[in-house]
Amino acid sequence: MSEQEQNKNVELNKISVQTLNDKISNSIKPSIEETERFILFLNKKFNLGLADNLIVNIQDTSINTKGFFMPKEHKNHYQAEDKPLSYICISSLFLKDKPYETIAHELAHYINEMEGHKPKGNYHTKYFKNTAEKLLLKVDKGHYGYNLTEETEQFQEMLKEFKISPDAFKIYQNKQENQKAGSRNLLFMCECGCKVRTAKNEDKPFMAICEYCNTPFKQVEGQEDLG
């Protein structure tokens, strides 16, 4: 078979893939690509040596959660054939609220997991604080360890170096939940958005850790009857 005939057969066997973004601009794809591009930028800038077992996604979470990290050891981890994957989620509810800070925050969790720091329960430890600060975030202690992060001036200067895409996070989800009248149960949420309702118990307050994201359930204050 001649080279021309071989090229013709290759063209005939190609699969044409179209997405909604080929026709209209309603796609979350630019947000995924920007998240991955920023992670690769941080990896190169800080010489992080990231492994090839990370996946990122964008989905809705609780109205109090901007993102979460799920280690590859978790029973509900993502899988690529025989290789388990760690998972970074950026909340679709907060794509207009400093998404690059959220990406760096969750990447710090992945770096700690990669380096072998795998605490049970609350994972906003001093290891997390040190790692997040290396990524130029400001870290403060909150109710659940060192879980409060903010962009610093150095971080914002780094974003100029990165050259953020103006089209990356144009689509986002509304932050609203329907209310359901009549229920007086307390509402608790973990960082990945799982909800638990329980009756008030002053003697034994509800305490539990989500098996999906390995974070404690926190009461949603003032929202006992959220749907």
C-alpha atoms as a PDB file:
ATOM      1  CA  MET A   1       0.000   0.000   0.000  1.00  0.00           C
ATOM      2  CA  SER A   2       1.346   3.388  -0.972  1.00  0.00           C
ATOM      3  CA  GLU A   3       1.903   6.191   1.567  1.00  0.00           C
ATOM      4  CA  GLN A   4      -0.923   8.161  -0.051  1.00  0.00           C
ATOM      5  CA  GLU A   5      -3.351   5.249   0.403  1.00  0.00           C
ATOM      6  CA  GLN A   6      -2.249   4.798   4.039  1.00  0.00           C
ATOM      7  CA  ASN A   7      -2.877   8.479   4.768  1.00  0.00           C
ATOM      8  CA  LYS A   8      -6.291   8.196   3.154  1.00  0.00           C
ATOM      9  CA  ASN A   9      -7.212   5.231   5.381  1.00  0.00           C
ATOM     10  CA  VAL A  10      -6.052   7.133   8.484  1.00  0.00           C
ATOM     11  CA  GLU A  11      -8.307  10.054   7.546  1.00  0.00           C
ATOM     12  CA  LEU A  12     -11.282   7.721   7.005  1.00  0.00           C
ATOM     13  CA  ASN A  13     -10.773   6.094  10.424  1.00  0.00           C
ATOM     14  CA  LYS A  14     -10.545   9.371  12.349  1.00  0.00           C
ATOM     15  CA  ILE A  15     -13.358  10.014  14.793  1.00  0.00           C
ATOM     16  CA  SER A  16     -14.827  13.486  14.578  1.00  0.00           C
ATOM     17  CA  VAL A  17     -15.611  14.755  18.076  1.00  0.00           C
ATOM     18  CA  GLN A  18     -17.793  17.782  18.564  1.00  0.00           C
ATOM     19  CA  THR A  19     -18.685  19.497  21.798  1.00  0.00           C
ATOM     20  CA  LEU A  20     -21.204  22.149  22.658  1.00  0.00           C
ATOM     21  CA  ASN A  21     -18.323  24.600  22.732  1.00  0.00           C
ATOM     22  CA  ASP A  22     -17.782  24.074  19.004  1.00  0.00           C
ATOM     23  CA  LYS A  23     -21.150  25.695  18.350  1.00  0.00           C
ATOM     24  CA  ILE A  24     -21.867  27.885  21.366  1.00  0.00           C
ATOM     25  CA  SER A  25     -19.950  29.157  24.373  1.00  0.00           C
ATOM     26  CA  ASN A  26     -21.896  27.174  27.001  1.00  0.00           C
ATOM     27  CA  SER A  27     -19.131  24.879  28.208  1.00  0.00           C
ATOM     28  CA  ILE A  28     -17.300  24.337  31.481  1.00  0.00           C
ATOM     29  CA  LYS A  29     -14.299  23.075  29.507  1.00  0.00           C
ATOM     30  CA  PRO A  30     -12.365  26.406  29.691  1.00  0.00           C
ATOM     31  CA  SER A  31     -12.614  26.311  33.498  1.00  0.00           C
ATOM     32  CA  ILE A  32     -11.212  22.767  33.650  1.00  0.00           C
ATOM     33  CA  GLU A  33      -8.394  23.663  31.264  1.00  0.00           C
ATOM     34  CA  GLU A  34      -7.517  26.805  33.224  1.00  0.00           C
ATOM     35  CA  THR A  35      -7.446  24.867  36.503  1.00  0.00           C
ATOM     36  CA  GLU A  36      -5.073  22.294  35.022  1.00  0.00           C
ATOM     37  CA  ARG A  37      -2.934  25.021  33.401  1.00  0.00           C
ATOM     38  CA  PHE A  38      -2.538  26.824  36.739  1.00  0.00           C
ATOM     39  CA  ILE A  39      -1.577  23.603  38.519  1.00  0.00           C
ATOM     40  CA  LEU A  40       1.086  22.935  35.866  1.00  0.00           C
ATOM     41  CA  PHE A  41       2.305  26.521  36.236  1.00  0.00           C
ATOM     42  CA  LEU A  42       2.648  26.131  40.020  1.00  0.00           C
ATOM     43  CA  ASN A  43       4.379  22.796  39.532  1.00  0.00           C
ATOM     44  CA  LYS A  44       7.014  24.381  37.299  1.00  0.00           C
ATOM     45  CA  LYS A  45       7.405  27.616  39.267  1.00  0.00           C
ATOM     46  CA  PHE A  46       7.918  25.939  42.640  1.00  0.00           C
ATOM     47  CA  ASN A  47       9.513  22.724  41.352  1.00  0.00           C
ATOM     48  CA  LEU A  48       6.848  20.650  43.085  1.00  0.00           C
ATOM     49  CA  GLY A  49       7.512  17.399  41.271  1.00  0.00           C
ATOM     50  CA  LEU A  50       3.823  16.559  40.999  1.00  0.00           C
ATOM     51  CA  ALA A  51       2.975  12.970  40.187  1.00  0.00           C
ATOM     52  CA  ASP A  52       0.772  11.935  37.259  1.00  0.00           C
ATOM     53  CA  ASN A  53      -2.060  10.618  39.443  1.00  0.00           C
ATOM     54  CA  LEU A  54      -4.166  13.769  39.805  1.00  0.00           C
ATOM     55  CA  ILE A  55      -7.522  14.618  38.256  1.00  0.00           C
ATOM     56  CA  VAL A  56      -9.497  17.850  38.579  1.00  0.00           C
ATOM     57  CA  ASN A  57     -13.196  18.506  38.216  1.00  0.00           C
ATOM     58  CA  ILE A  58     -15.784  21.206  38.805  1.00  0.00           C
ATOM     59  CA  GLN A  59     -19.063  20.390  40.539  1.00  0.00           C
ATOM     60  CA  ASP A  60     -21.507  21.822  43.050  1.00  0.00           C
ATOM     61  CA  THR A  61     -20.774  21.556  46.768  1.00  0.00           C
ATOM     62  CA  SER A  62     -22.337  22.938  49.923  1.00  0.00           C
ATOM     63  CA  ILE A  63     -22.817  26.692  49.971  1.00  0.00           C
ATOM     64  CA  ASN A  64     -19.960  26.886  52.501  1.00  0.00           C
ATOM     65  CA  THR A  65     -17.345  24.975  50.479  1.00  0.00           C
ATOM     66  CA  LYS A  66     -15.164  26.449  47.747  1.00  0.00           C
ATOM     67  CA  GLY A  67     -13.418  23.165  46.970  1.00  0.00           C
ATOM     68  CA  PHE A  68     -12.165  19.890  48.396  1.00  0.00           C
ATOM     69  CA  PHE A  69      -9.483  17.257  47.960  1.00  0.00           C
ATOM     70  CA  MET A  70      -9.950  13.478  47.860  1.00  0.00           C
ATOM     71  CA  PRO A  71      -6.796  11.318  48.169  1.00  0.00           C
ATOM     72  CA  LYS A  72      -6.241   8.320  45.920  1.00  0.00           C
ATOM     73  CA  GLU A  73      -6.439   6.011  48.949  1.00  0.00           C
ATOM     74  CA  HIS A  74     -10.088   6.927  49.517  1.00  0.00           C
ATOM     75  CA  LYS A  75     -12.526   4.121  48.765  1.00  0.00           C
ATOM     76  CA  ASN A  76     -14.451   6.382  46.358  1.00  0.00           C
ATOM     77  CA  HIS A  77     -11.374   7.600  44.458  1.00  0.00           C
ATOM     78  CA  TYR A  78     -11.238   8.060  40.705  1.00  0.00           C
ATOM     79  CA  GLN A  79      -9.585   5.341  38.649  1.00  0.00           C
ATOM     80  CA  ALA A  80      -7.651   5.342  35.342  1.00  0.00           C
ATOM     81  CA  GLU A  81      -7.579   1.678  34.331  1.00  0.00           C
ATOM     82  CA  ASP A  82      -5.465   0.141  37.133  1.00  0.00           C
ATOM     83  CA  LYS A  83      -4.129   3.434  38.514  1.00  0.00           C
ATOM     84  CA  PRO A  84      -5.921   5.187  41.411  1.00  0.00           C
ATOM     85  CA  LEU A  85      -6.177   8.976  41.101  1.00  0.00           C
ATOM     86  CA  SER A  86      -6.261  11.754  43.651  1.00  0.00           C
ATOM     87  CA  TYR A  87      -8.989  14.301  43.044  1.00  0.00           C
ATOM     88  CA  ILE A  88      -9.237  18.082  43.326  1.00  0.00           C
ATOM     89  CA  CYS A  89     -12.717  19.594  43.102  1.00  0.00           C
ATOM     90  CA  ILE A  90     -13.365  23.296  42.534  1.00  0.00           C
ATOM     91  CA  SER A  91     -16.904  24.277  43.502  1.00  0.00           C
ATOM     92  CA  SER A  92     -19.101  25.484  40.638  1.00  0.00           C
ATOM     93  CA  LEU A  93     -20.733  27.831  43.161  1.00  0.00           C
ATOM     94  CA  PHE A  94     -17.539  29.837  43.669  1.00  0.00           C
ATOM     95  CA  LEU A  95     -15.995  30.104  40.206  1.00  0.00           C
ATOM     96  CA  LYS A  96     -16.272  33.895  40.393  1.00  0.00           C
ATOM     97  CA  ASP A  97     -14.804  34.054  43.912  1.00  0.00           C
ATOM     98  CA  LYS A  98     -10.999  33.878  43.635  1.00  0.00           C
ATOM     99  CA  PRO A  99     -10.812  30.425  42.002  1.00  0.00           C
ATOM    100  CA  TYR A 100      -6.997  30.540  41.779  1.00  0.00           C
ATOM    101  CA  GLU A 101      -6.736  30.789  45.565  1.00  0.00           C
ATOM    102  CA  THR A 102      -8.998  27.728  45.822  1.00  0.00           C
ATOM    103  CA  ILE A 103      -6.880  25.815  43.313  1.00  0.00           C
ATOM    104  CA  ALA A 104      -3.699  26.562  45.276  1.00  0.00           C
ATOM    105  CA  HIS A 105      -5.427  25.644  48.567  1.00  0.00           C
ATOM    106  CA  GLU A 106      -6.518  22.234  47.285  1.00  0.00           C
ATOM    107  CA  LEU A 107      -3.186  21.645  45.549  1.00  0.00           C
ATOM    108  CA  ALA A 108      -1.486  22.098  48.939  1.00  0.00           C
ATOM    109  CA  HIS A 109      -3.566  19.151  50.204  1.00  0.00           C
ATOM    110  CA  TYR A 110      -2.446  17.059  47.235  1.00  0.00           C
ATOM    111  CA  ILE A 111       1.207  17.942  47.832  1.00  0.00           C
ATOM    112  CA  ASN A 112       0.886  16.892  51.488  1.00  0.00           C
ATOM    113  CA  GLU A 113      -0.731  13.615  50.446  1.00  0.00           C
ATOM    114  CA  MET A 114       2.029  13.048  47.875  1.00  0.00           C
ATOM    115  CA  GLU A 115       4.681  13.663  50.561  1.00  0.00           C
ATOM    116  CA  GLY A 116       3.077  11.182  52.941  1.00  0.00           C
ATOM    117  CA  HIS A 117       1.315  13.560  55.364  1.00  0.00           C
ATOM    118  CA  LYS A 118      -2.047  11.816  55.642  1.00  0.00           C
ATOM    119  CA  PRO A 119      -3.726  12.759  58.925  1.00  0.00           C
ATOM    120  CA  LYS A 120      -7.098  11.295  59.865  1.00  0.00           C
ATOM    121  CA  GLY A 121      -9.967  13.706  60.395  1.00  0.00           C
ATOM    122  CA  ASN A 122      -9.091  17.369  60.007  1.00  0.00           C
ATOM    123  CA  TYR A 123      -6.264  17.714  57.477  1.00  0.00           C
ATOM    124  CA  HIS A 124      -5.653  21.472  57.807  1.00  0.00           C
ATOM    125  CA  THR A 125      -2.527  20.778  59.839  1.00  0.00           C
ATOM    126  CA  LYS A 126       0.735  22.685  60.220  1.00  0.00           C
ATOM    127  CA  TYR A 127       2.010  20.670  57.251  1.00  0.00           C
ATOM    128  CA  PHE A 128      -0.838  22.122  55.208  1.00  0.00           C
ATOM    129  CA  LYS A 129      -0.096  25.640  56.506  1.00  0.00           C
ATOM    130  CA  ASN A 130       3.559  25.407  55.520  1.00  0.00           C
ATOM    131  CA  THR A 131       2.758  24.030  52.077  1.00  0.00           C
ATOM    132  CA  ALA A 132       0.060  26.622  51.349  1.00  0.00           C
ATOM    133  CA  GLU A 133       2.404  29.419  52.401  1.00  0.00           C
ATOM    134  CA  LYS A 134       5.036  28.108  49.971  1.00  0.00           C
ATOM    135  CA  LEU A 135       2.396  28.633  47.274  1.00  0.00           C
ATOM    136  CA  LEU A 136       2.190  32.285  48.454  1.00  0.00           C
ATOM    137  CA  LEU A 137      -1.128  32.016  50.301  1.00  0.00           C
ATOM    138  CA  LYS A 138      -1.822  33.650  53.645  1.00  0.00           C
ATOM    139  CA  VAL A 139      -2.938  30.989  56.141  1.00  0.00           C
ATOM    140  CA  ASP A 140      -4.831  31.562  59.402  1.00  0.00           C
ATOM    141  CA  LYS A 141      -6.259  29.229  61.999  1.00  0.00           C
ATOM    142  CA  GLY A 142     -10.028  28.747  61.967  1.00  0.00           C
ATOM    143  CA  HIS A 143     -12.493  26.396  63.631  1.00  0.00           C
ATOM    144  CA  TYR A 144     -11.030  23.411  61.764  1.00  0.00           C
ATOM    145  CA  GLY A 145      -7.284  23.835  61.912  1.00  0.00           C
ATOM    146  CA  TYR A 146      -5.416  26.091  59.510  1.00  0.00           C
ATOM    147  CA  ASN A 147      -8.288  26.146  57.047  1.00  0.00           C
ATOM    148  CA  LEU A 148      -8.475  29.885  56.296  1.00  0.00           C
ATOM    149  CA  THR A 149      -6.466  30.936  53.249  1.00  0.00           C
ATOM    150  CA  GLU A 150      -6.293  34.204  51.349  1.00  0.00           C
ATOM    151  CA  GLU A 151      -4.409  35.613  48.398  1.00  0.00           C
ATOM    152  CA  THR A 152      -1.342  37.675  49.276  1.00  0.00           C
ATOM    153  CA  GLU A 153       0.146  40.514  47.245  1.00  0.00           C
ATOM    154  CA  GLN A 154       2.835  38.086  46.101  1.00  0.00           C
ATOM    155  CA  PHE A 155       0.140  35.643  44.983  1.00  0.00           C
ATOM    156  CA  GLN A 156      -1.605  38.356  42.960  1.00  0.00           C
ATOM    157  CA  GLU A 157       1.700  39.317  41.352  1.00  0.00           C
ATOM    158  CA  MET A 158       2.192  35.647  40.479  1.00  0.00           C
ATOM    159  CA  LEU A 159      -1.198  35.639  38.719  1.00  0.00           C
ATOM    160  CA  LYS A 160       0.087  38.434  36.471  1.00  0.00           C
ATOM    161  CA  GLU A 161       3.058  36.245  35.616  1.00  0.00           C
ATOM    162  CA  PHE A 162       0.693  33.326  34.967  1.00  0.00           C
ATOM    163  CA  LYS A 163      -1.470  35.468  32.633  1.00  0.00           C
ATOM    164  CA  ILE A 164      -4.951  34.355  33.637  1.00  0.00           C
ATOM    165  CA  SER A 165      -7.458  33.641  30.893  1.00  0.00           C
ATOM    166  CA  PRO A 166     -10.366  36.133  30.798  1.00  0.00           C
ATOM    167  CA  ASP A 167     -12.664  33.423  29.428  1.00  0.00           C
ATOM    168  CA  ALA A 168     -11.865  30.707  31.976  1.00  0.00           C
ATOM    169  CA  PHE A 169     -14.493  31.170  34.674  1.00  0.00           C
ATOM    170  CA  LYS A 170     -17.373  32.884  32.885  1.00  0.00           C
ATOM    171  CA  ILE A 171     -19.873  30.131  33.696  1.00  0.00           C
ATOM    172  CA  TYR A 172     -20.774  29.500  37.320  1.00  0.00           C
ATOM    173  CA  GLN A 173     -23.645  28.108  39.382  1.00  0.00           C
ATOM    174  CA  ASN A 174     -25.999  30.193  41.506  1.00  0.00           C
ATOM    175  CA  LYS A 175     -25.428  29.969  45.267  1.00  0.00           C
ATOM    176  CA  GLN A 176     -28.971  29.398  46.447  1.00  0.00           C
ATOM    177  CA  GLU A 177     -30.756  26.576  48.214  1.00  0.00           C
ATOM    178  CA  ASN A 178     -34.451  26.053  48.515  1.00  0.00           C
ATOM    179  CA  GLN A 179     -35.954  26.165  51.977  1.00  0.00           C
ATOM    180  CA  LYS A 180     -38.345  23.534  53.202  1.00  0.00           C
ATOM    181  CA  ALA A 181     -40.749  24.631  55.919  1.00  0.00           C
ATOM    182  CA  GLY A 182     -41.675  22.450  58.849  1.00  0.00           C
ATOM    183  CA  SER A 183     -38.413  20.639  59.632  1.00  0.00           C
ATOM    184  CA  ARG A 184     -36.596  21.668  62.803  1.00  0.00           C
ATOM    185  CA  ASN A 185     -33.723  19.226  62.432  1.00  0.00           C
ATOM    186  CA  LEU A 186     -30.214  20.650  62.447  1.00  0.00           C
ATOM    187  CA  LEU A 187     -28.382  20.607  59.128  1.00  0.00           C
ATOM    188  CA  PHE A 188     -24.735  19.531  58.924  1.00  0.00           C
ATOM    189  CA  MET A 189     -22.504  19.594  55.820  1.00  0.00           C
ATOM    190  CA  CYS A 190     -19.024  18.380  55.045  1.00  0.00           C
ATOM    191  CA  GLU A 191     -16.634  20.080  52.633  1.00  0.00           C
ATOM    192  CA  CYS A 192     -17.750  18.021  49.617  1.00  0.00           C
ATOM    193  CA  GLY A 193     -21.400  18.919  50.136  1.00  0.00           C
ATOM    194  CA  CYS A 194     -22.888  15.793  51.725  1.00  0.00           C
ATOM    195  CA  LYS A 195     -25.730  16.699  54.069  1.00  0.00           C
ATOM    196  CA  VAL A 196     -26.866  15.144  57.329  1.00  0.00           C
ATOM    197  CA  ARG A 197     -29.895  16.199  59.378  1.00  0.00           C
ATOM    198  CA  THR A 198     -30.283  15.336  63.009  1.00  0.00           C
ATOM    199  CA  ALA A 199     -32.416  16.410  65.941  1.00  0.00           C
ATOM    200  CA  LYS A 200     -30.962  18.677  68.594  1.00  0.00           C
ATOM    201  CA  ASN A 201     -29.174  16.891  71.417  1.00  0.00           C
ATOM    202  CA  GLU A 202     -27.513  19.159  73.962  1.00  0.00           C
ATOM    203  CA  ASP A 203     -25.955  16.218  75.852  1.00  0.00           C
ATOM    204  CA  LYS A 204     -24.420  14.555  72.797  1.00  0.00           C
ATOM    205  CA  PRO A 205     -23.929  16.986  69.894  1.00  0.00           C
ATOM    206  CA  PHE A 206     -23.566  15.422  66.454  1.00  0.00           C
ATOM    207  CA  MET A 207     -19.934  14.621  65.535  1.00  0.00           C
ATOM    208  CA  ALA A 208     -18.971  12.718  62.401  1.00  0.00           C
ATOM    209  CA  ILE A 209     -16.427  12.684  59.569  1.00  0.00           C
ATOM    210  CA  CYS A 210     -17.413  12.320  55.918  1.00  0.00           C
ATOM    211  CA  GLU A 211     -15.932   9.203  54.328  1.00  0.00           C
ATOM    212  CA  TYR A 212     -15.894  10.882  50.909  1.00  0.00           C
ATOM    213  CA  CYS A 213     -13.714  13.938  51.629  1.00  0.00           C
ATOM    214  CA  ASN A 214     -12.388  12.995  55.101  1.00  0.00           C
ATOM    215  CA  THR A 215     -13.573  16.269  56.685  1.00  0.00           C
ATOM    216  CA  PRO A 216     -15.849  16.798  59.695  1.00  0.00           C
ATOM    217  CA  PHE A 217     -19.516  17.659  59.287  1.00  0.00           C
ATOM    218  CA  LYS A 218     -20.187  21.249  60.342  1.00  0.00           C
ATOM    219  CA  GLN A 219     -23.532  22.705  61.329  1.00  0.00           C
ATOM    220  CA  VAL A 220     -24.976  25.231  58.913  1.00  0.00           C
ATOM    221  CA  GLU A 221     -25.783  27.970  61.380  1.00  0.00           C
ATOM    222  CA  GLY A 222     -29.205  29.565  61.176  1.00  0.00           C
ATOM    223  CA  GLN A 223     -30.393  27.144  58.487  1.00  0.00           C
ATOM    224  CA  GLU A 224     -32.149  24.362  60.367  1.00  0.00           C
ATOM    225  CA  ASP A 225     -34.738  23.853  57.648  1.00  0.00           C
ATOM    226  CA  LEU A 226     -32.664  24.004  54.457  1.00  0.00           C
ATOM    227  CA  GLY A 227     -33.781  21.684  51.706  1.00  0.00           C
END
